[in-house]
C-alpha atoms as a PDB file:
ATOM      1  CA  MET A   1       0.121   0.316   0.259  1.00  0.00           C
ATOM      2  CA  LYS A   2       1.124   3.682  -0.787  1.00  0.00           C
ATOM      3  CA  TYR A   3       2.132   5.866   2.171  1.00  0.00           C
ATOM      4  CA  GLY A   4      -0.561   8.411   1.135  1.00  0.00           C
ATOM      5  CA  GLU A   5      -3.349   5.354   0.712  1.00  0.00           C
ATOM      6  CA  LYS A   6      -2.081   4.676   4.549  1.00  0.00           C
ATOM      7  CA  VAL A   7      -2.137   7.688   5.904  1.00  0.00           C
ATOM      8  CA  GLN A   8      -5.110   8.776   4.141  1.00  0.00           C
ATOM      9  CA  PRO A   9      -7.639   9.126   7.133  1.00  0.00           C
ATOM     10  CA  LEU A  10      -4.969  11.103   9.150  1.00  0.00           C
ATOM     11  CA  PHE A  11      -5.207  13.520   6.323  1.00  0.00           C
ATOM     12  CA  ILE A  12      -8.405  13.984   6.196  1.00  0.00           C
ATOM     13  CA  ILE A  13      -8.747  14.695  10.364  1.00  0.00           C
ATOM     14  CA  MET A  14      -6.118  17.121   9.667  1.00  0.00           C
ATOM     15  CA  SER A  15      -7.366  18.639   6.735  1.00  0.00           C
ATOM     16  CA  ALA A  16     -10.964  19.320   8.582  1.00  0.00           C
ATOM     17  CA  ILE A  17      -9.385  20.765  11.759  1.00  0.00           C
ATOM     18  CA  ALA A  18      -7.316  22.906   9.916  1.00  0.00           C
ATOM     19  CA  GLY A  19     -10.153  23.538   7.741  1.00  0.00           C
ATOM     20  CA  VAL A  20     -11.848  24.789  11.434  1.00  0.00           C
ATOM     21  CA  LEU A  21      -9.206  26.724  12.814  1.00  0.00           C
ATOM     22  CA  LEU A  22      -8.424  28.420   9.484  1.00  0.00           C
ATOM     23  CA  GLY A  23     -11.918  29.668   9.744  1.00  0.00           C
ATOM     24  CA  ILE A  24     -12.251  30.818  13.226  1.00  0.00           C
ATOM     25  CA  TYR A  25      -8.531  32.818  13.493  1.00  0.00           C
ATOM     26  CA  THR A  26      -8.164  34.262   9.876  1.00  0.00           C
ATOM     27  CA  GLY A  27     -10.274  35.634   7.201  1.00  0.00           C
ATOM     28  CA  PHE A  28      -9.800  32.444   5.071  1.00  0.00           C
ATOM     29  CA  GLY A  29     -13.501  31.140   5.459  1.00  0.00           C
ATOM     30  CA  SER A  30     -15.317  34.200   3.863  1.00  0.00           C
ATOM     31  CA  TRP A  31     -13.854  33.293   0.549  1.00  0.00           C
ATOM     32  CA  SER A  32     -12.310  29.843   0.658  1.00  0.00           C
ATOM     33  CA  SER A  33     -15.948  28.576  -0.233  1.00  0.00           C
ATOM     34  CA  SER A  34     -15.140  29.789  -3.920  1.00  0.00           C
ATOM     35  CA  LEU A  35     -12.267  27.190  -4.270  1.00  0.00           C
ATOM     36  CA  ILE A  36     -14.157  23.817  -3.337  1.00  0.00           C
ATOM     37  CA  GLU A  37     -15.299  23.345  -6.538  1.00  0.00           C
ATOM     38  CA  PRO A  38     -12.138  23.982  -8.142  1.00  0.00           C
ATOM     39  CA  PHE A  39      -9.778  21.322  -6.166  1.00  0.00           C
ATOM     40  CA  LEU A  40     -12.637  18.432  -6.760  1.00  0.00           C
ATOM     41  CA  VAL A  41     -12.792  19.673 -10.326  1.00  0.00           C
ATOM     42  CA  ALA A  42      -8.533  18.931 -10.171  1.00  0.00           C
ATOM     43  CA  MET A  43      -8.835  16.467  -8.260  1.00  0.00           C
ATOM     44  CA  LEU A  44     -11.325  14.255 -10.444  1.00  0.00           C
ATOM     45  CA  PHE A  45      -9.227  15.629 -13.476  1.00  0.00           C
ATOM     46  CA  PHE A  46      -6.669  13.073 -12.426  1.00  0.00           C
ATOM     47  CA  VAL A  47      -9.405  10.729 -10.879  1.00  0.00           C
ATOM     48  CA  PHE A  48     -10.476  10.164 -15.043  1.00  0.00           C
ATOM     49  CA  LEU A  49      -7.389  10.683 -15.816  1.00  0.00           C
ATOM     50  CA  SER A  50      -5.913   7.262 -14.544  1.00  0.00           C
ATOM     51  CA  VAL A  51      -9.208   5.377 -16.053  1.00  0.00           C
ATOM     52  CA  ASP A  52      -8.628   3.559 -19.058  1.00  0.00           C
ATOM     53  CA  ILE A  53     -12.286   3.587 -20.684  1.00  0.00           C
ATOM     54  CA  LYS A  54     -10.952   1.408 -23.587  1.00  0.00           C
ATOM     55  CA  ARG A  55     -10.790  -1.511 -20.593  1.00  0.00           C
ATOM     56  CA  LEU A  56     -14.540  -1.304 -20.777  1.00  0.00           C
ATOM     57  CA  LYS A  57     -15.609  -4.531 -22.691  1.00  0.00           C
ATOM     58  CA  GLU A  58     -13.064  -6.306 -20.696  1.00  0.00           C
ATOM     59  CA  SER A  59     -15.631  -6.563 -17.826  1.00  0.00           C
ATOM     60  CA  PHE A  60     -18.216  -8.364 -20.039  1.00  0.00           C
ATOM     61  CA  LEU A  61     -16.022 -10.810 -20.774  1.00  0.00           C
ATOM     62  CA  ASN A  62     -16.562 -12.317 -17.273  1.00  0.00           C
ATOM     63  CA  VAL A  63     -20.178 -12.383 -17.608  1.00  0.00           C
ATOM     64  CA  LYS A  64     -20.747 -14.341 -14.192  1.00  0.00           C
ATOM     65  CA  PHE A  65     -18.206 -11.692 -12.619  1.00  0.00           C
ATOM     66  CA  THR A  66     -19.809  -8.879 -14.050  1.00  0.00           C
ATOM     67  CA  SER A  67     -23.505  -9.212 -13.353  1.00  0.00           C
ATOM     68  CA  TRP A  68     -23.056  -9.822 -10.065  1.00  0.00           C
ATOM     69  CA  ALA A  69     -21.129  -7.307  -9.148  1.00  0.00           C
ATOM     70  CA  LEU A  70     -23.994  -4.494 -10.729  1.00  0.00           C
ATOM     71  CA  ILE A  71     -26.799  -6.235  -8.832  1.00  0.00           C
ATOM     72  CA  ILE A  72     -24.966  -5.479  -5.897  1.00  0.00           C
ATOM     73  CA  ASN A  73     -23.772  -2.844  -6.651  1.00  0.00           C
ATOM     74  CA  PHE A  74     -26.782  -0.849  -8.516  1.00  0.00           C
ATOM     75  CA  VAL A  75     -29.690  -2.649  -7.829  1.00  0.00           C
ATOM     76  CA  TRP A  76     -28.993  -4.020  -3.896  1.00  0.00           C
ATOM     77  CA  THR A  77     -27.098  -1.471  -2.440  1.00  0.00           C
ATOM     78  CA  PRO A  78     -29.365   1.660  -3.392  1.00  0.00           C
ATOM     79  CA  LEU A  79     -32.710  -0.123  -2.061  1.00  0.00           C
ATOM     80  CA  PHE A  80     -29.906  -0.675   0.958  1.00  0.00           C
ATOM     81  CA  ALA A  81     -28.792   2.429   1.591  1.00  0.00           C
ATOM     82  CA  VAL A  82     -32.278   4.341   1.447  1.00  0.00           C
ATOM     83  CA  VAL A  83     -33.351   1.686   4.079  1.00  0.00           C
ATOM     84  CA  LEU A  84     -30.625   2.516   6.767  1.00  0.00           C
ATOM     85  CA  GLY A  85     -30.836   6.304   6.103  1.00  0.00           C
ATOM     86  CA  MET A  86     -34.612   5.930   6.909  1.00  0.00           C
ATOM     87  CA  VAL A  87     -33.779   3.411  10.006  1.00  0.00           C
ATOM     88  CA  PHE A  88     -31.060   5.257  12.019  1.00  0.00           C
ATOM     89  CA  PHE A  89     -31.626   9.262  10.475  1.00  0.00           C
ATOM     90  CA  ALA A  90     -35.542   9.377   9.995  1.00  0.00           C
ATOM     91  CA  GLY A  91     -35.440  12.704  11.062  1.00  0.00           C
ATOM     92  CA  SER A  92     -32.649  14.079   9.086  1.00  0.00           C
ATOM     93  CA  ILE A  93     -33.188  14.188   5.552  1.00  0.00           C
ATOM     94  CA  ASP A  94     -29.930  15.950   4.963  1.00  0.00           C
ATOM     95  CA  ILE A  95     -27.895  12.727   6.689  1.00  0.00           C
ATOM     96  CA  GLN A  96     -30.218  10.487   4.651  1.00  0.00           C
ATOM     97  CA  ILE A  97     -29.341  12.114   1.009  1.00  0.00           C
ATOM     98  CA  GLY A  98     -25.639  11.833   2.562  1.00  0.00           C
ATOM     99  CA  ILE A  99     -25.852   8.037   2.935  1.00  0.00           C
ATOM    100  CA  LEU A 100     -27.452   7.324  -0.358  1.00  0.00           C
ATOM    101  CA  MET A 101     -24.669   9.607  -1.827  1.00  0.00           C
ATOM    102  CA  LEU A 102     -21.962   7.772  -0.514  1.00  0.00           C
ATOM    103  CA  LEU A 103     -22.955   4.090  -0.607  1.00  0.00           C
ATOM    104  CA  VAL A 104     -24.338   4.015  -3.995  1.00  0.00           C
ATOM    105  CA  THR A 105     -21.109   4.777  -6.083  1.00  0.00           C
ATOM    106  CA  PRO A 106     -18.884   1.830  -6.173  1.00  0.00           C
ATOM    107  CA  CYS A 107     -15.387   2.643  -5.306  1.00  0.00           C
ATOM    108  CA  THR A 108     -12.715   3.106  -8.427  1.00  0.00           C
ATOM    109  CA  ASP A 109      -9.425   3.785  -6.492  1.00  0.00           C
ATOM    110  CA  TRP A 110      -8.588   2.196  -3.306  1.00  0.00           C
ATOM    111  CA  TYR A 111     -10.389  -1.164  -3.672  1.00  0.00           C
ATOM    112  CA  LEU A 112      -8.074  -2.269  -5.910  1.00  0.00           C
ATOM    113  CA  VAL A 113      -5.115  -1.470  -2.884  1.00  0.00           C
ATOM    114  CA  PHE A 114      -6.930  -4.062  -0.594  1.00  0.00           C
ATOM    115  CA  THR A 115      -7.852  -6.760  -3.778  1.00  0.00           C
ATOM    116  CA  SER A 116      -3.782  -6.292  -3.822  1.00  0.00           C
ATOM    117  CA  LEU A 117      -3.163  -7.329  -0.152  1.00  0.00           C
ATOM    118  CA  SER A 118      -6.213  -9.742   0.389  1.00  0.00           C
ATOM    119  CA  LYS A 119      -3.997 -11.191  -3.193  1.00  0.00           C
ATOM    120  CA  GLY A 120      -7.193 -11.557  -5.218  1.00  0.00           C
ATOM    121  CA  ASN A 121      -7.675 -11.191  -8.850  1.00  0.00           C
ATOM    122  CA  ILE A 122      -6.347  -7.631  -9.827  1.00  0.00           C
ATOM    123  CA  PRO A 123      -6.882  -8.078 -13.679  1.00  0.00           C
ATOM    124  CA  LEU A 124     -10.437  -8.739 -13.092  1.00  0.00           C
ATOM    125  CA  SER A 125     -11.271  -5.897 -10.263  1.00  0.00           C
ATOM    126  CA  SER A 126      -9.547  -3.576 -12.789  1.00  0.00           C
ATOM    127  CA  SER A 127     -11.364  -4.296 -15.911  1.00  0.00           C
ATOM    128  CA  ILE A 128     -15.266  -3.301 -13.996  1.00  0.00           C
ATOM    129  CA  LEU A 129     -13.733  -0.127 -12.798  1.00  0.00           C
ATOM    130  CA  PRO A 130     -14.576   1.822 -16.243  1.00  0.00           C
ATOM    131  CA  LEU A 131     -18.037   0.396 -16.060  1.00  0.00           C
ATOM    132  CA  ASN A 132     -18.430   1.380 -12.367  1.00  0.00           C
ATOM    133  CA  LEU A 133     -17.259   4.833 -12.909  1.00  0.00           C
ATOM    134  CA  VAL A 134     -19.453   5.521 -15.991  1.00  0.00           C
ATOM    135  CA  LEU A 135     -22.494   3.783 -14.388  1.00  0.00           C
ATOM    136  CA  GLN A 136     -22.256   5.708 -10.841  1.00  0.00           C
ATOM    137  CA  ILE A 137     -22.223   8.988 -12.709  1.00  0.00           C
ATOM    138  CA  LEU A 138     -25.310   8.143 -15.081  1.00  0.00           C
ATOM    139  CA  LEU A 139     -27.148   6.461 -11.727  1.00  0.00           C
ATOM    140  CA  LEU A 140     -26.633   8.742  -9.188  1.00  0.00           C
ATOM    141  CA  PRO A 141     -29.092  11.608 -10.291  1.00  0.00           C
ATOM    142  CA  PHE A 142     -31.501   8.617 -10.791  1.00  0.00           C
ATOM    143  CA  TYR A 143     -31.324   7.442  -7.250  1.00  0.00           C
ATOM    144  CA  LEU A 144     -31.543  10.914  -6.037  1.00  0.00           C
ATOM    145  CA  PHE A 145     -34.476  11.781  -8.036  1.00  0.00           C
ATOM    146  CA  LEU A 146     -35.906   8.383  -6.973  1.00  0.00           C
ATOM    147  CA  PHE A 147     -35.834   7.768  -3.384  1.00  0.00           C
ATOM    148  CA  ILE A 148     -36.142  11.596  -2.375  1.00  0.00           C
ATOM    149  CA  GLY A 149     -36.916  13.708  -4.941  1.00  0.00           C
ATOM    150  CA  GLU A 150     -40.159  14.501  -2.971  1.00  0.00           C
ATOM    151  CA  LYS A 151     -38.373  14.922   0.595  1.00  0.00           C
ATOM    152  CA  ILE A 152     -36.414  17.963  -0.772  1.00  0.00           C
ATOM    153  CA  ASN A 153     -36.785  20.851  -3.256  1.00  0.00           C
ATOM    154  CA  PHE A 154     -35.464  18.715  -5.879  1.00  0.00           C
ATOM    155  CA  GLU A 155     -34.736  20.542  -9.246  1.00  0.00           C
ATOM    156  CA  PRO A 156     -33.103  18.134 -12.092  1.00  0.00           C
ATOM    157  CA  ALA A 157     -32.385  21.061 -14.703  1.00  0.00           C
ATOM    158  CA  SER A 158     -30.269  22.548 -12.005  1.00  0.00           C
ATOM    159  CA  MET A 159     -28.667  19.252 -10.863  1.00  0.00           C
ATOM    160  CA  PHE A 160     -27.992  18.482 -14.297  1.00  0.00           C
ATOM    161  CA  THR A 161     -26.228  22.000 -14.809  1.00  0.00           C
ATOM    162  CA  GLY A 162     -24.398  21.631 -11.993  1.00  0.00           C
ATOM    163  CA  LEU A 163     -23.250  18.306 -12.402  1.00  0.00           C
ATOM    164  CA  VAL A 164     -21.812  18.876 -16.159  1.00  0.00           C
ATOM    165  CA  ALA A 165     -20.032  22.138 -14.150  1.00  0.00           C
ATOM    166  CA  ILE A 166     -18.058  19.680 -12.225  1.00  0.00           C
ATOM    167  CA  LEU A 167     -17.974  16.955 -14.220  1.00  0.00           C
ATOM    168  CA  LEU A 168     -17.603  17.819 -17.708  1.00  0.00           C
ATOM    169  CA  ILE A 169     -14.588  19.888 -17.106  1.00  0.00           C
ATOM    170  CA  PRO A 170     -12.482  17.177 -16.047  1.00  0.00           C
ATOM    171  CA  ILE A 171     -13.424  15.010 -18.423  1.00  0.00           C
ATOM    172  CA  LEU A 172     -12.676  16.453 -21.396  1.00  0.00           C
ATOM    173  CA  LEU A 173      -9.641  17.684 -20.170  1.00  0.00           C
ATOM    174  CA  SER A 174      -8.263  14.215 -19.311  1.00  0.00           C
ATOM    175  CA  VAL A 175      -9.668  13.123 -22.893  1.00  0.00           C
ATOM    176  CA  VAL A 176      -7.758  15.603 -24.283  1.00  0.00           C
ATOM    177  CA  LEU A 177      -4.342  14.827 -22.586  1.00  0.00           C
ATOM    178  CA  LYS A 178      -5.042  11.174 -23.701  1.00  0.00           C
ATOM    179  CA  GLN A 179      -5.474  12.310 -27.534  1.00  0.00           C
ATOM    180  CA  LEU A 180      -2.126  14.694 -27.308  1.00  0.00           C
ATOM    181  CA  ALA A 181      -0.319  11.605 -25.450  1.00  0.00           C
ATOM    182  CA  CYS A 182      -1.056   9.078 -28.436  1.00  0.00           C
ATOM    183  CA  LYS A 183       0.091  11.908 -30.896  1.00  0.00           C
ATOM    184  CA  VAL A 184       3.116  13.700 -28.902  1.00  0.00           C
ATOM    185  CA  LYS A 185       6.075  11.998 -26.921  1.00  0.00           C
ATOM    186  CA  ALA A 186       6.839  14.521 -24.392  1.00  0.00           C
ATOM    187  CA  VAL A 187       3.536  14.360 -23.585  1.00  0.00           C
ATOM    188  CA  GLU A 188       2.940  10.830 -23.282  1.00  0.00           C
ATOM    189  CA  THR A 189       6.180  11.007 -20.782  1.00  0.00           C
ATOM    190  CA  ALA A 190       4.157  13.603 -18.588  1.00  0.00           C
ATOM    191  CA  ARG A 191       0.740  11.896 -19.274  1.00  0.00           C
ATOM    192  CA  GLU A 192       2.594   8.369 -17.456  1.00  0.00           C
ATOM    193  CA  ARG A 193       4.457  10.298 -14.978  1.00  0.00           C
ATOM    194  CA  LEU A 194       1.282  11.909 -13.886  1.00  0.00           C
ATOM    195  CA  THR A 195      -1.215   8.822 -13.811  1.00  0.00           C
ATOM    196  CA  ALA A 196       2.048   6.744 -11.649  1.00  0.00           C
ATOM    197  CA  LYS A 197       1.580   9.767  -8.872  1.00  0.00           C
ATOM    198  CA  SER A 198      -2.263   9.996  -9.653  1.00  0.00           C
ATOM    199  CA  ASP A 199      -3.170   8.707  -5.958  1.00  0.00           C
ATOM    200  CA  ASP A 200      -1.254  10.817  -4.198  1.00  0.00           C
ATOM    201  CA  ILE A 201      -2.629  14.232  -6.167  1.00  0.00           C
ATOM    202  CA  GLN A 202      -5.969  13.233  -5.847  1.00  0.00           C
ATOM    203  CA  LEU A 203      -5.676  12.664  -2.195  1.00  0.00           C
ATOM    204  CA  ALA A 204      -3.656  15.967  -2.359  1.00  0.00           C
ATOM    205  CA  PHE A 205      -6.483  18.363  -4.167  1.00  0.00           C
ATOM    206  CA  LEU A 206      -8.939  16.233  -1.431  1.00  0.00           C
ATOM    207  CA  CYS A 207      -7.559  17.366   1.426  1.00  0.00           C
ATOM    208  CA  LEU A 208      -7.520  21.055   0.062  1.00  0.00           C
ATOM    209  CA  ALA A 209     -11.140  20.917  -0.564  1.00  0.00           C
ATOM    210  CA  ILE A 210     -11.809  19.847   2.822  1.00  0.00           C
ATOM    211  CA  VAL A 211      -9.598  22.810   4.342  1.00  0.00           C
ATOM    212  CA  SER A 212     -11.735  25.091   2.073  1.00  0.00           C
ATOM    213  CA  MET A 213     -15.161  23.373   3.401  1.00  0.00           C
ATOM    214  CA  PHE A 214     -14.648  23.430   6.541  1.00  0.00           C
ATOM    215  CA  SER A 215     -13.315  26.671   7.058  1.00  0.00           C
ATOM    216  CA  SER A 216     -16.345  28.097   5.072  1.00  0.00           C
ATOM    217  CA  GLU A 217     -18.847  26.354   7.054  1.00  0.00           C
ATOM    218  CA  GLY A 218     -16.618  25.575  10.165  1.00  0.00           C
ATOM    219  CA  GLY A 219     -19.728  26.246  12.303  1.00  0.00           C
ATOM    220  CA  VAL A 220     -22.224  24.187  10.984  1.00  0.00           C
ATOM    221  CA  LEU A 221     -19.580  21.121  10.293  1.00  0.00           C
ATOM    222  CA  ALA A 222     -18.112  21.399  13.794  1.00  0.00           C
ATOM    223  CA  GLU A 223     -21.126  21.477  15.749  1.00  0.00           C
ATOM    224  CA  ASN A 224     -22.454  18.172  13.753  1.00  0.00           C
ATOM    225  CA  LEU A 225     -18.802  16.067  14.397  1.00  0.00           C
ATOM    226  CA  SER A 226     -21.163  13.615  16.425  1.00  0.00           C
ATOM    227  CA  VAL A 227     -22.603  12.129  13.625  1.00  0.00           C
ATOM    228  CA  LEU A 228     -19.349  10.286  12.939  1.00  0.00           C
ATOM    229  CA  LEU A 229     -20.369   8.281  15.989  1.00  0.00           C
ATOM    230  CA  MET A 230     -23.832   8.033  14.956  1.00  0.00           C
ATOM    231  CA  MET A 231     -22.386   6.607  11.105  1.00  0.00           C
ATOM    232  CA  ILE A 232     -20.337   3.914  12.608  1.00  0.00           C
ATOM    233  CA  LEU A 233     -22.838   1.740  13.265  1.00  0.00           C
ATOM    234  CA  PRO A 234     -25.216   2.132  10.289  1.00  0.00           C
ATOM    235  CA  MET A 235     -21.866   1.284   8.065  1.00  0.00           C
ATOM    236  CA  LEU A 236     -20.854  -1.670  10.209  1.00  0.00           C
ATOM    237  CA  ILE A 237     -23.944  -3.136   9.056  1.00  0.00           C
ATOM    238  CA  PHE A 238     -23.604  -2.329   5.497  1.00  0.00           C
ATOM    239  CA  PHE A 239     -19.941  -3.657   5.044  1.00  0.00           C
ATOM    240  CA  ALA A 240     -21.121  -6.462   6.769  1.00  0.00           C
ATOM    241  CA  VAL A 241     -24.444  -7.528   4.678  1.00  0.00           C
ATOM    242  CA  ASN A 242     -22.456  -7.010   1.432  1.00  0.00           C
ATOM    243  CA  TYR A 243     -18.986  -9.205   2.909  1.00  0.00           C
ATOM    244  CA  GLY A 244     -21.976 -11.280   3.300  1.00  0.00           C
ATOM    245  CA  ILE A 245     -23.788 -11.245   0.365  1.00  0.00           C
ATOM    246  CA  SER A 246     -20.880 -11.416  -1.931  1.00  0.00           C
ATOM    247  CA  SER A 247     -19.365 -14.091  -0.016  1.00  0.00           C
ATOM    248  CA  ILE A 248     -22.834 -16.394  -0.402  1.00  0.00           C
ATOM    249  CA  VAL A 249     -23.267 -15.166  -4.272  1.00  0.00           C
ATOM    250  CA  SER A 250     -19.457 -16.022  -4.576  1.00  0.00           C
ATOM    251  CA  ARG A 251     -20.058 -19.776  -3.428  1.00  0.00           C
ATOM    252  CA  GLY A 252     -23.854 -20.234  -5.517  1.00  0.00           C
ATOM    253  CA  ALA A 253     -21.738 -18.903  -8.878  1.00  0.00           C
ATOM    254  CA  HIS A 254     -18.740 -21.310  -7.966  1.00  0.00           C
ATOM    255  CA  LEU A 255     -16.555 -18.146  -8.151  1.00  0.00           C
ATOM    256  CA  SER A 256     -12.841 -19.433  -7.573  1.00  0.00           C
ATOM    257  CA  PHE A 257     -11.453 -17.410  -3.842  1.00  0.00           C
ATOM    258  CA  ASP A 258      -9.459 -14.851  -5.814  1.00  0.00           C
ATOM    259  CA  ASP A 259     -12.162 -13.858  -7.547  1.00  0.00           C
ATOM    260  CA  SER A 260     -14.097 -13.696  -4.670  1.00  0.00           C
ATOM    261  CA  THR A 261     -11.996 -11.371  -3.186  1.00  0.00           C
ATOM    262  CA  SER A 262     -12.828  -9.063  -5.999  1.00  0.00           C
ATOM    263  CA  LEU A 263     -16.449  -9.176  -5.680  1.00  0.00           C
ATOM    264  CA  ILE A 264     -15.752  -8.710  -2.163  1.00  0.00           C
ATOM    265  CA  PHE A 265     -13.889  -5.487  -1.990  1.00  0.00           C
ATOM    266  CA  THR A 266     -16.168  -4.147  -5.410  1.00  0.00           C
ATOM    267  CA  THR A 267     -18.910  -4.162  -3.205  1.00  0.00           C
ATOM    268  CA  MET A 268     -18.091  -3.445  -0.031  1.00  0.00           C
ATOM    269  CA  ALA A 269     -15.481   0.092  -1.216  1.00  0.00           C
ATOM    270  CA  ARG A 270     -17.306   3.224  -1.692  1.00  0.00           C
ATOM    271  CA  ASN A 271     -16.175   6.177  -3.799  1.00  0.00           C
ATOM    272  CA  SER A 272     -17.196   9.168  -1.571  1.00  0.00           C
ATOM    273  CA  PRO A 273     -14.558  11.865  -2.988  1.00  0.00           C
ATOM    274  CA  LEU A 274     -16.969  11.889  -6.498  1.00  0.00           C
ATOM    275  CA  SER A 275     -20.154  11.958  -4.057  1.00  0.00           C
ATOM    276  CA  LEU A 276     -18.352  14.708  -2.186  1.00  0.00           C
ATOM    277  CA  ALA A 277     -17.651  16.712  -5.487  1.00  0.00           C
ATOM    278  CA  ILE A 278     -20.835  15.991  -7.187  1.00  0.00           C
ATOM    279  CA  ALA A 279     -22.638  16.788  -3.740  1.00  0.00           C
ATOM    280  CA  VAL A 280     -20.718  20.155  -3.778  1.00  0.00           C
ATOM    281  CA  ALA A 281     -22.518  20.866  -7.484  1.00  0.00           C
ATOM    282  CA  ILE A 282     -25.896  19.885  -6.299  1.00  0.00           C
ATOM    283  CA  PHE A 283     -26.390  20.533  -2.627  1.00  0.00           C
ATOM    284  CA  PRO A 284     -23.866  23.627  -2.134  1.00  0.00           C
ATOM    285  CA  ASN A 285     -26.476  24.801   0.933  1.00  0.00           C
ATOM    286  CA  ASN A 286     -26.206  21.714   2.746  1.00  0.00           C
ATOM    287  CA  PRO A 287     -23.126  21.038   5.153  1.00  0.00           C
ATOM    288  CA  LEU A 288     -24.217  18.495   6.862  1.00  0.00           C
ATOM    289  CA  ILE A 289     -24.178  16.137   3.030  1.00  0.00           C
ATOM    290  CA  LEU A 290     -20.840  17.023   2.592  1.00  0.00           C
ATOM    291  CA  LEU A 291     -20.048  16.064   6.486  1.00  0.00           C
ATOM    292  CA  ILE A 292     -21.456  12.610   5.653  1.00  0.00           C
ATOM    293  CA  LEU A 293     -19.272  12.005   2.616  1.00  0.00           C
ATOM    294  CA  ILE A 294     -16.079  13.339   4.187  1.00  0.00           C
ATOM    295  CA  VAL A 295     -16.497  10.856   7.513  1.00  0.00           C
ATOM    296  CA  GLY A 296     -17.384   8.336   5.586  1.00  0.00           C
ATOM    297  CA  PRO A 297     -13.663   7.384   5.007  1.00  0.00           C
ATOM    298  CA  LEU A 298     -12.698   7.105   8.416  1.00  0.00           C
ATOM    299  CA  ILE A 299     -14.995   4.594   8.839  1.00  0.00           C
ATOM    300  CA  GLU A 300     -14.515   2.822   5.492  1.00  0.00           C
ATOM    301  CA  LEU A 301     -10.679   2.456   5.608  1.00  0.00           C
ATOM    302  CA  PRO A 302     -10.433   0.525   8.550  1.00  0.00           C
ATOM    303  CA  ILE A 303     -12.965  -1.941   7.996  1.00  0.00           C
ATOM    304  CA  LEU A 304     -11.457  -2.608   4.312  1.00  0.00           C
ATOM    305  CA  SER A 305      -8.292  -3.029   6.086  1.00  0.00           C
ATOM    306  CA  LEU A 306      -9.555  -5.403   8.637  1.00  0.00           C
ATOM    307  CA  THR A 307     -11.497  -7.473   5.937  1.00  0.00           C
ATOM    308  CA  SER A 308      -8.211  -7.671   4.133  1.00  0.00           C
ATOM    309  CA  HIS A 309      -6.806  -9.051   7.129  1.00  0.00           C
ATOM    310  CA  VAL A 310      -9.368 -11.468   6.816  1.00  0.00           C
ATOM    311  CA  ARG A 311      -9.183 -12.543   3.545  1.00  0.00           C
ATOM    312  CA  LEU A 312      -5.691 -13.369   4.007  1.00  0.00           C
ATOM    313  CA  ARG A 313      -6.679 -16.002   6.671  1.00  0.00           C
ATOM    314  CA  PHE A 314      -9.232 -17.504   5.161  1.00  0.00           C
ATOM    315  CA  ARG A 315      -6.887 -17.741   1.847  1.00  0.00           C
ATOM    316  CA  GLU A 316      -4.389 -19.548   3.697  1.00  0.00           C
ATOM    317  CA  ARG A 317      -6.579 -22.128   5.762  1.00  0.00           C
ATOM    318  CA  ASN A 318      -8.159 -22.913   2.051  1.00  0.00           C
ATOM    319  CA  GLU A 319      -4.256 -23.470   0.734  1.00  0.00           C
ATOM    320  CA  ASP A 320      -3.417 -25.692   3.964  1.00  0.00           C
ATOM    321  CA  LEU A 321      -6.572 -27.367   3.444  1.00  0.00           C
ATOM    322  CA  SER A 322      -5.968 -28.240  -0.270  1.00  0.00           C
ATOM    323  CA  ASN A 323      -2.549 -29.385   0.733  1.00  0.00           C
ATOM    324  CA  THR A 324      -4.057 -31.979   3.132  1.00  0.00           C
ATOM    325  CA  GLU A 325      -6.112 -33.436   1.040  1.00  0.00           C
ATOM    326  CA  ARG A 326      -3.586 -33.472  -1.848  1.00  0.00           C
ATOM    327  CA  PHE A 327      -1.310 -35.076  -0.006  1.00  0.00           C
ATOM    328  CA  GLN A 328      -3.786 -37.561   1.560  1.00  0.00           C
ATOM    329  CA  ARG A 329      -4.766 -38.311  -2.462  1.00  0.00           C
ATOM    330  CA  THR A 330      -1.062 -38.898  -2.542  1.00  0.00           C
ATOM    331  CA  GLU A 331      -0.621 -41.364   0.337  1.00  0.00           C
ATOM    332  CA  LYS A 332      -3.973 -43.410  -0.982  1.00  0.00           C
ATOM    333  CA  LEU A 333      -1.803 -43.888  -4.379  1.00  0.00           C
END
């Protein structure tokens, strides 16, 4: 695991604290809100730059794995997210929106790290990344309209405008750079270097956006930090249930242990940075929604780390059983 990925929760916490302090003791908070969107657009540029859309067709080669991953991520999880929000946060529509946006967006980066640590099928996990990214961008507005539209003043036109503003610019810039890289050697070299550092650069811009957010909305966000504790139980339930469902599906579909590990992390890890960027565009005046998307990784990353450890133990036990069975067969011969 890269250094930035190891300490990401610490960086997020430090960024939030730095933002609150800057908002209280300096004049930064009075104009920092104007920096949030540019920082998130820059972060998304590196997200899209590191994704190879040409690999989209690869996800359709393993029909069994991809079908179950899509069903769990885009059919089961949205329904489950709505239920969790209503059960645990019935009195706060903003928290329900935050929970929904956090949970319906499959991860497009660090799930590969934990899959690798668990010795899962990295090529298979990588193949579904572009499909997950495209579908979550297309379906998130639909989920919001379907499940939350009646509870808030929901304007599809303004939401579409906000999405275009924050997503279209980084998508176009990444496409232009990739096209230039195909024709100019120097640009290709620069793209490769940027892609190699993409995760660290994404984290840097995410932290800058969090500093700006907590600085501009420090009062509201600081008063609701107890939400972090309130989110622990529903998040634990989400991860435990999705782990169980993915494991059961893997056995029923006769997936190998490595493929099962890939399915588990694909359906557990969430894409909070993308959700945060979209929330800033759609709900700029709802800081509680932003808080949910900021604290989500603080709960998620330790759980994914623990899951990786569990999968390694299961893998070792399965290998020991397989070796024992092979030895017994040899003895009989």
